[in-house]
N, C-alpha and C. Protein backbone atom coordinates (compact mmCIF):
# COMPACT_ATOMS: atom_id res chain seq x y z
N MET A 1 -1.32 8.02 26.10
CA MET A 1 -0.86 7.43 24.83
C MET A 1 -1.77 6.07 24.71
N ALA A 2 -2.24 5.79 23.48
CA ALA A 2 -2.89 4.57 23.14
C ALA A 2 -2.04 3.79 22.32
N GLU A 3 -2.16 2.35 22.59
CA GLU A 3 -1.28 1.60 21.64
C GLU A 3 -2.41 0.48 20.99
N HIS A 4 -2.30 0.17 19.85
CA HIS A 4 -2.90 -0.89 19.32
C HIS A 4 -2.18 -2.00 19.09
N HIS A 5 -2.45 -3.17 19.27
CA HIS A 5 -1.75 -4.44 19.12
C HIS A 5 -2.42 -5.38 18.03
N PHE A 6 -1.70 -5.76 17.18
CA PHE A 6 -2.21 -6.55 15.89
C PHE A 6 -1.27 -7.87 16.20
N HIS A 7 -2.00 -9.08 15.80
CA HIS A 7 -1.39 -10.41 16.09
C HIS A 7 -1.46 -11.16 14.84
N LEU A 8 -0.58 -11.84 14.41
CA LEU A 8 -0.63 -12.84 13.33
C LEU A 8 0.15 -14.13 13.69
N LYS A 9 -0.24 -15.03 13.26
CA LYS A 9 0.24 -16.44 13.47
C LYS A 9 0.88 -16.81 12.11
N ALA A 10 2.00 -17.47 11.97
CA ALA A 10 2.58 -17.96 10.77
C ALA A 10 3.02 -19.41 10.98
N SER A 11 2.79 -20.32 9.82
CA SER A 11 3.27 -21.61 9.96
C SER A 11 4.14 -21.84 8.72
N TRP A 12 5.11 -22.57 8.77
CA TRP A 12 5.97 -22.92 7.53
C TRP A 12 6.64 -24.35 7.87
N PRO A 13 6.07 -25.34 7.21
CA PRO A 13 6.43 -26.79 7.47
C PRO A 13 7.54 -27.38 6.95
N GLY A 14 8.10 -26.57 5.75
CA GLY A 14 9.03 -27.21 5.03
C GLY A 14 10.26 -26.26 4.72
N GLY A 15 10.92 -26.63 3.61
CA GLY A 15 12.09 -25.72 3.25
C GLY A 15 11.55 -24.49 2.43
N ARG A 16 12.74 -24.04 1.74
CA ARG A 16 12.47 -22.66 0.99
C ARG A 16 11.29 -22.84 -0.03
N ASN A 17 11.20 -23.81 -0.77
CA ASN A 17 10.13 -23.83 -1.80
C ASN A 17 8.73 -24.58 -1.23
N SER A 18 8.59 -24.51 0.04
CA SER A 18 7.35 -24.94 0.67
C SER A 18 6.26 -23.97 0.67
N GLU A 19 5.20 -24.35 1.31
CA GLU A 19 4.23 -23.26 1.40
C GLU A 19 3.72 -23.18 2.71
N GLY A 20 3.33 -21.95 3.32
CA GLY A 20 2.91 -21.73 4.52
C GLY A 20 1.66 -21.18 4.69
N MET A 21 1.23 -20.72 6.06
CA MET A 21 0.05 -19.95 6.22
C MET A 21 0.28 -18.76 7.18
N ILE A 22 -0.61 -17.97 7.00
CA ILE A 22 -0.63 -16.97 8.00
C ILE A 22 -2.05 -16.67 8.41
N GLU A 23 -2.35 -16.11 9.39
CA GLU A 23 -3.68 -15.86 9.93
C GLU A 23 -3.64 -14.88 11.01
N ALA A 24 -4.50 -13.86 10.88
CA ALA A 24 -4.72 -12.80 11.64
C ALA A 24 -6.20 -12.67 11.77
N LYS A 25 -6.62 -11.72 12.47
CA LYS A 25 -8.02 -11.42 12.71
C LYS A 25 -8.90 -11.46 11.57
N ASN A 26 -8.58 -10.69 10.41
CA ASN A 26 -9.37 -10.72 9.17
C ASN A 26 -8.55 -11.03 8.03
N LEU A 27 -7.43 -11.79 8.25
CA LEU A 27 -6.61 -12.30 7.16
C LEU A 27 -6.33 -13.91 7.35
N LYS A 28 -6.63 -14.62 6.24
CA LYS A 28 -6.02 -16.02 6.30
C LYS A 28 -5.63 -16.43 4.79
N THR A 29 -4.45 -16.77 4.79
CA THR A 29 -3.91 -16.88 3.42
C THR A 29 -2.78 -17.85 3.47
N LYS A 30 -2.55 -18.54 2.29
CA LYS A 30 -1.41 -19.38 2.14
C LYS A 30 -0.26 -18.44 1.66
N ILE A 31 1.12 -18.54 2.09
CA ILE A 31 2.06 -17.83 1.44
C ILE A 31 3.21 -18.78 0.79
N SER A 32 3.99 -18.15 0.02
CA SER A 32 5.24 -18.84 -0.52
C SER A 32 6.08 -17.73 -1.12
N ILE A 33 7.05 -18.14 -1.74
CA ILE A 33 8.01 -17.28 -2.43
C ILE A 33 7.34 -17.10 -3.91
N PRO A 34 7.43 -15.89 -4.43
CA PRO A 34 6.75 -15.76 -5.83
C PRO A 34 7.68 -16.32 -6.79
N LYS A 35 6.96 -16.55 -8.03
CA LYS A 35 7.44 -17.27 -9.03
C LYS A 35 8.80 -16.46 -9.55
N GLU A 36 8.69 -15.23 -9.24
CA GLU A 36 9.74 -14.20 -9.94
C GLU A 36 11.09 -14.36 -9.15
N MET A 37 10.91 -15.03 -7.99
CA MET A 37 12.22 -15.23 -7.12
C MET A 37 12.29 -16.80 -7.11
N ASP A 38 12.03 -17.50 -8.18
CA ASP A 38 12.00 -18.97 -8.26
C ASP A 38 11.41 -19.77 -7.11
N GLY A 39 10.07 -19.25 -6.86
CA GLY A 39 9.34 -19.94 -5.84
C GLY A 39 8.13 -20.53 -6.47
N PRO A 40 7.29 -21.30 -5.73
CA PRO A 40 6.10 -22.12 -6.16
C PRO A 40 4.88 -21.25 -6.46
N GLU A 41 4.81 -19.70 -5.89
CA GLU A 41 3.79 -18.91 -6.18
C GLU A 41 2.37 -19.31 -5.67
N ILE A 42 2.37 -19.93 -4.39
CA ILE A 42 1.24 -20.33 -3.77
C ILE A 42 0.59 -19.38 -2.83
N GLY A 43 -0.42 -18.82 -2.88
CA GLY A 43 -0.97 -17.81 -2.17
C GLY A 43 -0.20 -16.49 -2.42
N THR A 44 -0.03 -15.64 -1.20
CA THR A 44 0.55 -14.36 -1.27
C THR A 44 2.01 -14.49 -0.82
N ASN A 45 2.68 -13.31 -0.84
CA ASN A 45 4.31 -13.20 -0.53
C ASN A 45 4.43 -11.95 0.22
N PRO A 46 5.56 -12.09 0.94
CA PRO A 46 5.86 -10.56 1.57
C PRO A 46 5.85 -9.47 0.74
N ASP A 47 6.22 -9.58 -0.54
CA ASP A 47 6.27 -8.50 -1.44
C ASP A 47 4.99 -7.79 -1.73
N GLU A 48 3.96 -8.73 -1.95
CA GLU A 48 2.64 -8.36 -2.20
C GLU A 48 2.08 -7.73 -0.86
N MET A 49 2.35 -8.33 0.29
CA MET A 49 1.73 -7.84 1.46
C MET A 49 2.15 -6.44 1.80
N LEU A 50 3.64 -6.26 1.57
CA LEU A 50 4.10 -4.86 1.84
C LEU A 50 3.43 -3.93 0.95
N LEU A 51 3.21 -4.15 -0.26
CA LEU A 51 2.66 -3.30 -1.21
C LEU A 51 1.05 -3.18 -0.82
N GLY A 52 0.48 -4.15 -0.33
CA GLY A 52 -0.77 -3.95 0.04
C GLY A 52 -0.94 -3.18 1.42
N ALA A 53 -0.26 -3.30 2.22
CA ALA A 53 -0.11 -2.45 3.45
C ALA A 53 -0.03 -0.95 3.20
N ALA A 54 1.17 -0.87 2.41
CA ALA A 54 1.39 0.68 1.79
C ALA A 54 0.10 1.20 1.06
N ALA A 55 -0.42 0.39 0.01
CA ALA A 55 -1.59 0.79 -0.84
C ALA A 55 -2.76 1.13 0.21
N THR A 56 -3.20 0.15 0.96
CA THR A 56 -4.39 0.18 1.72
C THR A 56 -4.28 1.64 2.84
N CYS A 57 -3.07 1.55 3.35
CA CYS A 57 -2.95 2.66 4.27
C CYS A 57 -2.97 3.98 3.55
N TYR A 58 -2.49 4.04 2.38
CA TYR A 58 -2.43 5.50 1.82
C TYR A 58 -3.91 5.71 1.11
N ILE A 59 -4.72 4.88 0.84
CA ILE A 59 -6.06 5.06 0.14
C ILE A 59 -6.89 5.42 1.41
N ILE A 60 -6.82 4.67 2.34
CA ILE A 60 -7.79 5.00 3.68
C ILE A 60 -7.26 6.30 4.24
N THR A 61 -6.13 6.66 4.31
CA THR A 61 -5.57 8.06 4.71
C THR A 61 -6.29 9.01 3.99
N LEU A 62 -6.10 8.96 2.67
CA LEU A 62 -6.58 9.88 1.42
C LEU A 62 -8.10 9.87 1.77
N ALA A 63 -8.72 9.00 1.84
CA ALA A 63 -10.23 9.10 2.04
C ALA A 63 -10.80 9.72 3.18
N ALA A 64 -9.94 9.55 4.36
CA ALA A 64 -10.24 10.16 5.62
C ALA A 64 -10.04 11.83 5.35
N MET A 65 -8.81 12.18 4.80
CA MET A 65 -8.47 13.53 4.61
C MET A 65 -9.61 14.16 3.68
N ILE A 66 -10.01 13.50 2.71
CA ILE A 66 -10.90 14.16 1.65
C ILE A 66 -12.28 14.43 2.45
N GLU A 67 -12.78 13.48 3.33
CA GLU A 67 -14.04 13.37 3.92
C GLU A 67 -13.78 14.66 5.13
N ARG A 68 -12.85 14.75 5.80
CA ARG A 68 -12.67 15.80 6.91
C ARG A 68 -12.47 17.21 6.18
N ALA A 69 -12.20 17.29 4.94
CA ALA A 69 -12.09 18.56 4.13
C ALA A 69 -13.52 18.83 3.62
N LYS A 70 -14.47 17.77 3.64
CA LYS A 70 -15.65 18.02 2.99
C LYS A 70 -15.60 18.05 1.69
N LEU A 71 -14.73 17.52 0.98
CA LEU A 71 -14.66 17.65 -0.57
C LEU A 71 -15.77 16.68 -1.26
N PRO A 72 -16.46 17.11 -2.23
CA PRO A 72 -17.39 16.38 -2.92
C PRO A 72 -16.72 15.13 -3.72
N LEU A 73 -16.47 14.08 -2.98
CA LEU A 73 -15.74 12.92 -3.57
C LEU A 73 -16.84 12.34 -4.59
N LYS A 74 -16.60 11.99 -5.75
CA LYS A 74 -17.40 11.23 -6.72
C LYS A 74 -16.86 9.77 -6.65
N GLU A 75 -15.52 9.54 -6.83
CA GLU A 75 -15.05 8.13 -6.80
C GLU A 75 -13.35 8.37 -6.68
N MET A 76 -12.88 7.25 -6.20
CA MET A 76 -11.40 7.21 -6.02
C MET A 76 -10.98 5.73 -6.17
N SER A 77 -9.65 5.62 -6.82
CA SER A 77 -9.27 4.20 -7.03
C SER A 77 -7.74 4.37 -6.83
N LEU A 78 -7.11 3.22 -6.74
CA LEU A 78 -5.77 3.31 -6.67
C LEU A 78 -5.04 2.09 -7.18
N GLU A 79 -4.02 2.18 -8.02
CA GLU A 79 -3.14 0.99 -8.49
C GLU A 79 -1.71 1.37 -7.85
N SER A 80 -1.15 0.39 -7.42
CA SER A 80 0.25 0.47 -6.89
C SER A 80 1.15 -0.49 -7.46
N ILE A 81 2.33 -0.12 -7.61
CA ILE A 81 3.48 -0.85 -8.13
C ILE A 81 4.62 -1.18 -7.14
N GLY A 82 5.04 -2.33 -6.88
CA GLY A 82 6.28 -2.49 -5.82
C GLY A 82 7.32 -2.98 -6.86
N ILE A 83 8.58 -2.33 -6.58
CA ILE A 83 9.77 -2.67 -7.38
C ILE A 83 10.80 -3.17 -6.30
N VAL A 84 11.30 -4.46 -6.50
CA VAL A 84 12.29 -5.06 -5.95
C VAL A 84 13.58 -5.18 -6.69
N ASP A 85 14.68 -4.68 -6.10
CA ASP A 85 15.96 -4.63 -6.80
C ASP A 85 16.57 -6.18 -6.49
N VAL A 86 17.35 -6.80 -7.37
CA VAL A 86 18.21 -7.95 -6.95
C VAL A 86 19.52 -7.51 -7.62
N THR A 87 20.53 -7.23 -6.47
CA THR A 87 21.79 -7.08 -6.91
C THR A 87 22.62 -8.05 -6.05
N GLU A 88 23.51 -8.68 -6.97
CA GLU A 88 24.47 -9.66 -6.30
C GLU A 88 23.63 -10.65 -5.39
N GLY A 89 22.62 -11.10 -5.66
CA GLY A 89 21.80 -11.93 -4.86
C GLY A 89 21.10 -11.36 -3.69
N THR A 90 21.16 -10.15 -3.51
CA THR A 90 20.54 -9.32 -2.29
C THR A 90 19.19 -8.79 -2.96
N PHE A 91 18.15 -9.09 -2.23
CA PHE A 91 16.83 -8.55 -2.68
C PHE A 91 16.57 -7.34 -1.73
N THR A 92 16.24 -6.21 -2.47
CA THR A 92 15.79 -5.00 -1.78
C THR A 92 14.65 -4.46 -2.24
N TYR A 93 13.54 -4.06 -1.39
CA TYR A 93 12.48 -3.59 -1.77
C TYR A 93 12.71 -1.89 -2.08
N LYS A 94 12.84 -1.71 -3.28
CA LYS A 94 13.29 -0.40 -3.86
C LYS A 94 12.42 0.85 -3.67
N LYS A 95 11.16 0.32 -4.37
CA LYS A 95 10.15 1.63 -4.65
C LYS A 95 8.73 0.96 -4.84
N ILE A 96 7.84 2.02 -4.24
CA ILE A 96 6.43 1.83 -4.49
C ILE A 96 5.88 2.98 -5.16
N ILE A 97 5.31 2.72 -6.22
CA ILE A 97 4.65 3.78 -7.00
C ILE A 97 3.01 3.69 -6.83
N HIS A 98 2.46 4.78 -6.02
CA HIS A 98 0.95 4.67 -6.04
C HIS A 98 0.46 5.71 -7.01
N GLN A 99 -0.50 5.08 -7.70
CA GLN A 99 -1.31 5.78 -8.84
C GLN A 99 -2.62 6.11 -8.60
N PRO A 100 -2.97 7.03 -7.76
CA PRO A 100 -4.34 7.30 -7.21
C PRO A 100 -5.14 7.94 -8.36
N THR A 101 -6.25 7.65 -8.63
CA THR A 101 -7.30 8.30 -9.55
C THR A 101 -8.37 8.73 -8.73
N VAL A 102 -8.67 10.25 -8.76
CA VAL A 102 -9.61 10.71 -7.88
C VAL A 102 -10.52 11.64 -8.81
N ALA A 103 -11.89 11.53 -8.52
CA ALA A 103 -12.74 12.41 -9.32
C ALA A 103 -13.70 13.00 -8.18
N LEU A 104 -13.88 14.39 -8.38
CA LEU A 104 -14.78 15.08 -7.61
C LEU A 104 -16.15 15.29 -8.40
N LYS A 105 -17.11 15.58 -7.75
CA LYS A 105 -18.37 15.74 -8.25
C LYS A 105 -18.50 16.99 -9.04
N GLU A 106 -19.44 17.13 -10.18
CA GLU A 106 -19.40 17.96 -11.12
C GLU A 106 -19.37 19.48 -10.49
N GLU A 107 -20.14 19.59 -9.35
CA GLU A 107 -20.03 20.99 -8.61
C GLU A 107 -18.79 21.39 -7.91
N ALA A 108 -17.86 20.52 -8.02
CA ALA A 108 -16.68 21.06 -7.27
C ALA A 108 -15.84 22.17 -8.07
N ASN A 109 -15.38 23.24 -7.11
CA ASN A 109 -14.80 24.32 -7.62
C ASN A 109 -13.31 24.34 -7.62
N ASP A 110 -12.58 25.33 -8.29
CA ASP A 110 -11.17 25.40 -8.35
C ASP A 110 -10.28 25.30 -7.09
N LYS A 111 -11.05 25.99 -6.12
CA LYS A 111 -10.26 25.90 -4.73
C LYS A 111 -10.31 24.42 -4.10
N GLU A 112 -11.46 23.68 -4.38
CA GLU A 112 -11.64 22.22 -3.83
C GLU A 112 -10.67 21.43 -4.61
N TYR A 113 -10.33 21.60 -5.92
CA TYR A 113 -9.41 20.85 -6.69
C TYR A 113 -7.92 21.06 -6.17
N LYS A 114 -7.55 22.37 -5.93
CA LYS A 114 -6.36 22.71 -5.27
C LYS A 114 -6.08 21.96 -4.14
N LEU A 115 -7.13 22.10 -3.12
CA LEU A 115 -7.17 21.14 -1.87
C LEU A 115 -6.91 19.80 -2.15
N LEU A 116 -7.59 19.23 -2.99
CA LEU A 116 -7.46 17.84 -3.42
C LEU A 116 -6.17 17.52 -3.79
N GLU A 117 -5.38 18.51 -4.63
CA GLU A 117 -4.06 18.11 -5.07
C GLU A 117 -3.10 18.15 -3.68
N LYS A 118 -3.20 18.98 -2.80
CA LYS A 118 -2.44 19.00 -1.53
C LYS A 118 -2.61 17.87 -0.79
N LEU A 119 -3.94 17.31 -0.75
CA LEU A 119 -4.31 16.12 0.20
C LEU A 119 -3.69 14.84 -0.41
N ILE A 120 -3.69 14.82 -1.78
CA ILE A 120 -3.15 13.54 -2.48
C ILE A 120 -1.55 13.31 -2.09
N GLN A 121 -0.82 14.56 -1.92
CA GLN A 121 0.53 14.55 -1.66
C GLN A 121 0.61 14.36 -0.01
N ARG A 122 -0.24 15.05 0.75
CA ARG A 122 -0.04 15.04 2.29
C ARG A 122 -0.38 13.39 2.78
N ALA A 123 -1.48 12.86 2.10
CA ALA A 123 -1.77 11.57 2.66
C ALA A 123 -0.66 10.65 2.54
N GLU A 124 0.29 10.75 1.48
CA GLU A 124 1.41 9.79 1.51
C GLU A 124 2.33 9.92 2.80
N SER A 125 2.54 11.08 3.07
CA SER A 125 3.40 11.38 4.26
C SER A 125 2.82 11.31 5.55
N SER A 126 1.36 11.24 5.51
CA SER A 126 0.65 11.11 6.89
C SER A 126 0.25 9.60 7.13
N CYS A 127 0.48 8.73 6.28
CA CYS A 127 0.13 7.35 6.55
C CYS A 127 1.35 6.61 7.33
N MET A 128 0.76 5.80 8.21
CA MET A 128 1.71 5.33 9.12
C MET A 128 2.60 4.29 8.40
N ILE A 129 2.23 3.51 7.49
CA ILE A 129 3.11 2.71 6.71
C ILE A 129 4.17 3.35 6.08
N SER A 130 3.72 4.42 5.20
CA SER A 130 4.74 5.21 4.62
C SER A 130 5.81 5.79 5.55
N ARG A 131 5.54 6.27 6.75
CA ARG A 131 6.28 6.65 7.55
C ARG A 131 7.20 5.59 8.07
N ALA A 132 6.53 4.53 8.36
CA ALA A 132 7.43 3.32 8.73
C ALA A 132 8.41 2.97 7.63
N LEU A 133 8.08 3.18 6.36
CA LEU A 133 9.08 2.74 5.35
C LEU A 133 10.12 3.72 4.88
N LYS A 134 9.82 5.11 5.48
CA LYS A 134 10.74 6.28 5.14
C LYS A 134 12.08 6.20 5.25
N GLY A 135 12.94 6.20 4.16
CA GLY A 135 14.35 6.12 4.52
C GLY A 135 14.79 4.66 3.99
N ASN A 136 13.73 3.90 3.79
CA ASN A 136 14.23 2.43 3.28
C ASN A 136 13.65 1.99 2.10
N VAL A 137 12.39 2.69 1.77
CA VAL A 137 11.74 2.40 0.38
C VAL A 137 11.00 3.81 -0.20
N GLU A 138 11.57 4.09 -1.37
CA GLU A 138 11.10 5.39 -2.01
C GLU A 138 9.68 5.17 -2.34
N ILE A 139 8.85 6.02 -2.00
CA ILE A 139 7.37 6.03 -2.37
C ILE A 139 7.04 7.29 -3.26
N LYS A 140 6.59 7.02 -4.48
CA LYS A 140 6.40 7.96 -5.39
C LYS A 140 4.93 8.07 -5.71
N LEU A 141 4.31 9.18 -6.16
CA LEU A 141 2.96 9.41 -6.42
C LEU A 141 2.80 9.89 -7.87
N GLU A 142 1.98 9.04 -8.53
CA GLU A 142 1.70 9.52 -9.98
C GLU A 142 0.15 9.66 -10.22
N GLU A 143 -0.51 10.72 -9.76
CA GLU A 143 -1.75 10.98 -9.68
C GLU A 143 -2.70 11.32 -10.76
N THR A 144 -3.97 10.99 -10.96
CA THR A 144 -4.77 11.32 -12.03
C THR A 144 -6.06 12.01 -11.35
N ILE A 145 -6.20 13.26 -11.61
CA ILE A 145 -7.36 14.02 -11.15
C ILE A 145 -8.45 14.25 -12.25
N LEU A 146 -9.64 13.70 -11.77
CA LEU A 146 -10.64 13.94 -13.05
C LEU A 146 -11.71 14.86 -12.63
């Protein structure tokens, strides 16, 4: 069994509406509470970071699956939306909607397009971040295949 360890340092010098810093191997940014939650909106926030983790995991997983399947990929992009519910003062990360757009090269055939449709769905359940969120945050796909 192999284990990978990732490290992050965080500092937070003040109260609720202060700003902090996080730093990891390839990440260094200011952090604060977002404007939508009555914060100062400096740098990023946990909501964006969770959405970013889910989105990057999904698109990297999909890219790897497309490559392994030897599909003739032309281009791929992704927009993702995170929805946080606030009920009686409790904040709950409710849903993530991934909207991938994938185009295959002109020479792609019907069999390759059908496989692409399956891989778009399979990538969501194969991504380790999606699996970590399963049962807590709904993840929905709204794909566009060109």
